[in-house]
Protein backbone atom coordinates (compact mmCIF):
# COMPACT_ATOMS: atom_id res chain seq x y z
CA MET A 1 -98.10 79.93 7.59
CA SER A 2 -96.18 77.01 6.18
CA TYR A 3 -93.05 75.49 7.64
CA VAL A 4 -91.04 72.29 7.13
CA VAL A 5 -90.75 69.19 9.33
CA ASP A 6 -88.40 66.38 8.30
CA GLY A 7 -88.32 67.73 4.76
CA ILE A 8 -92.13 67.86 4.43
CA ASP A 9 -93.93 71.18 3.96
CA GLN A 10 -96.63 71.73 6.57
CA ILE A 11 -99.69 73.79 5.73
CA ASP A 12 -102.29 75.33 8.01
CA VAL A 13 -106.08 75.67 7.88
CA GLU A 14 -106.11 78.85 5.81
CA GLU A 15 -103.67 77.47 3.25
CA LEU A 16 -105.68 74.26 2.91
CA ALA A 17 -108.97 76.17 2.60
CA SER A 18 -107.42 78.31 -0.13
CA LEU A 19 -106.13 75.23 -1.99
CA LEU A 20 -109.57 73.62 -1.86
CA LYS A 21 -111.22 76.73 -3.36
CA GLU A 22 -108.77 77.11 -6.24
CA GLU A 23 -108.44 75.01 -9.36
CA THR A 24 -104.98 73.57 -8.83
CA ASP A 25 -103.09 70.40 -9.62
CA THR A 26 -102.92 69.67 -5.91
CA LEU A 27 -104.82 66.62 -4.73
CA VAL A 28 -105.95 66.59 -1.10
CA ILE A 29 -106.32 63.09 0.37
CA ASP A 30 -107.66 62.01 3.77
CA VAL A 31 -105.66 59.07 5.18
CA ARG A 32 -107.74 58.32 8.29
CA GLU A 33 -109.79 55.17 8.89
CA TYR A 34 -113.29 54.63 7.46
CA ASP A 35 -115.06 55.31 10.76
CA GLU A 36 -113.16 58.57 11.33
CA TYR A 37 -113.93 59.76 7.81
CA GLU A 38 -117.58 58.80 8.20
CA GLN A 39 -117.88 60.82 11.40
CA GLY A 40 -116.68 63.97 9.66
CA HIS A 41 -114.53 64.94 6.70
CA ILE A 42 -113.84 67.90 4.47
CA PRO A 43 -116.40 67.90 1.62
CA GLY A 44 -115.00 66.67 -1.67
CA VAL A 45 -111.84 65.19 -0.14
CA PRO A 46 -111.39 61.49 -0.94
CA LEU A 47 -110.32 58.82 1.54
CA ILE A 48 -107.38 56.48 1.05
CA PRO A 49 -106.71 54.93 4.48
CA MET A 50 -103.06 55.08 5.53
CA GLN A 51 -102.56 51.31 5.56
CA THR A 52 -103.68 51.07 1.91
CA ILE A 53 -101.36 53.80 0.57
CA PRO A 54 -98.63 51.30 -0.48
CA GLN A 55 -101.03 49.56 -2.87
CA TYR A 56 -101.65 52.89 -4.64
CA THR A 57 -98.04 54.10 -4.77
CA ASP A 58 -97.34 52.89 -8.30
CA LYS A 59 -100.68 54.25 -9.53
CA LEU A 60 -100.42 57.80 -8.15
CA ASP A 61 -99.02 60.44 -10.50
CA LYS A 62 -95.62 61.58 -9.21
CA ASP A 63 -95.96 64.85 -11.13
CA LEU A 64 -98.99 65.98 -9.12
CA SER A 65 -98.87 67.74 -5.77
CA TYR A 66 -100.52 66.10 -2.78
CA VAL A 67 -101.68 67.27 0.63
CA PHE A 68 -102.45 64.58 3.19
CA ILE A 69 -104.90 64.91 6.07
CA CYS A 70 -105.53 62.84 9.19
CA ARG A 71 -106.89 63.49 12.67
CA SER A 72 -103.86 65.30 14.14
CA GLY A 73 -101.27 65.50 11.36
CA ALA A 74 -99.13 62.56 12.54
CA ARG A 75 -100.36 59.81 10.19
CA SER A 76 -100.54 62.21 7.24
CA GLN A 77 -96.94 63.27 7.97
CA ASN A 78 -95.91 59.59 7.88
CA VAL A 79 -97.73 59.10 4.55
CA ALA A 80 -95.99 62.17 3.11
CA LEU A 81 -92.60 60.89 4.32
CA TYR A 82 -93.28 57.43 2.87
CA LEU A 83 -94.28 58.82 -0.52
CA LYS A 84 -91.28 61.18 -0.56
CA GLU A 85 -89.08 58.08 -0.07
CA GLN A 86 -90.91 56.52 -3.03
CA GLY A 87 -89.95 59.44 -5.29
CA PHE A 88 -92.88 61.81 -4.82
CA ASP A 89 -91.40 65.31 -4.64
CA HIS A 90 -94.58 67.35 -4.19
CA VAL A 91 -96.10 66.15 -0.91
CA LYS A 92 -97.37 68.27 1.96
CA ASN A 93 -98.93 67.62 5.34
CA PHE A 94 -101.93 69.40 6.86
CA ALA A 95 -100.40 70.30 10.23
CA GLY A 96 -102.80 69.80 13.12
CA GLY A 97 -105.14 67.70 11.00
CA MET A 98 -108.90 67.60 11.40
CA LEU A 99 -108.50 68.69 15.02
CA THR A 100 -107.68 72.17 13.71
CA TRP A 101 -110.14 72.27 10.78
CA ASP A 102 -112.77 74.88 11.64
CA LYS A 103 -114.54 75.01 8.27
CA GLU A 104 -117.34 72.93 6.73
CA VAL A 105 -117.48 69.22 7.57
CA GLU A 106 -119.61 66.48 6.04
CA THR A 107 -120.56 63.11 7.53
CA GLY A 108 -120.97 59.76 5.80
CA LEU A 109 -118.78 57.81 3.43
CA GLU A 110 -118.75 60.35 0.62
CA TRP A 111 -115.74 59.21 -1.44
CA ILE A 112 -113.78 56.06 -0.70
CA VAL A 113 -111.11 55.63 -3.37
CA LYS A 114 -111.16 52.18 -4.92
CA ASP A 115 -109.17 53.07 -8.04
CA VAL A 116 -106.84 56.05 -8.40
CA LYS A 117 -108.37 56.77 -11.82
CA GLU A 118 -111.22 58.29 -9.78
CA LEU A 119 -108.77 61.02 -8.74
CA GLU A 120 -108.10 62.18 -12.29
CA LYS A 121 -109.59 65.59 -12.99
């Protein structure tokens, strides 16, 4: 069940799982640190650590929708708020973060984003 915090839509596990199964224009991005991502992440979800988001801001497509993920939902909420301030209108936060994710998890450094062109479908 989604709700709004500080102007950012919050989504839950079931909504995120549904988004990941469907072909949508929504891009899900993990904003944790490398070691956290390596210990366990949602398969197919790329990593852009929170502190590097500003260097990607002008390269991300403002017309796409984004869902951000972190450990608990706090850092991803901050990333969503930051991007909303930068003119991104379609940003959401995964409330509860990886602490609430009860679906499949992968370990290792599967997909570290070095260039946002990698995110193009």
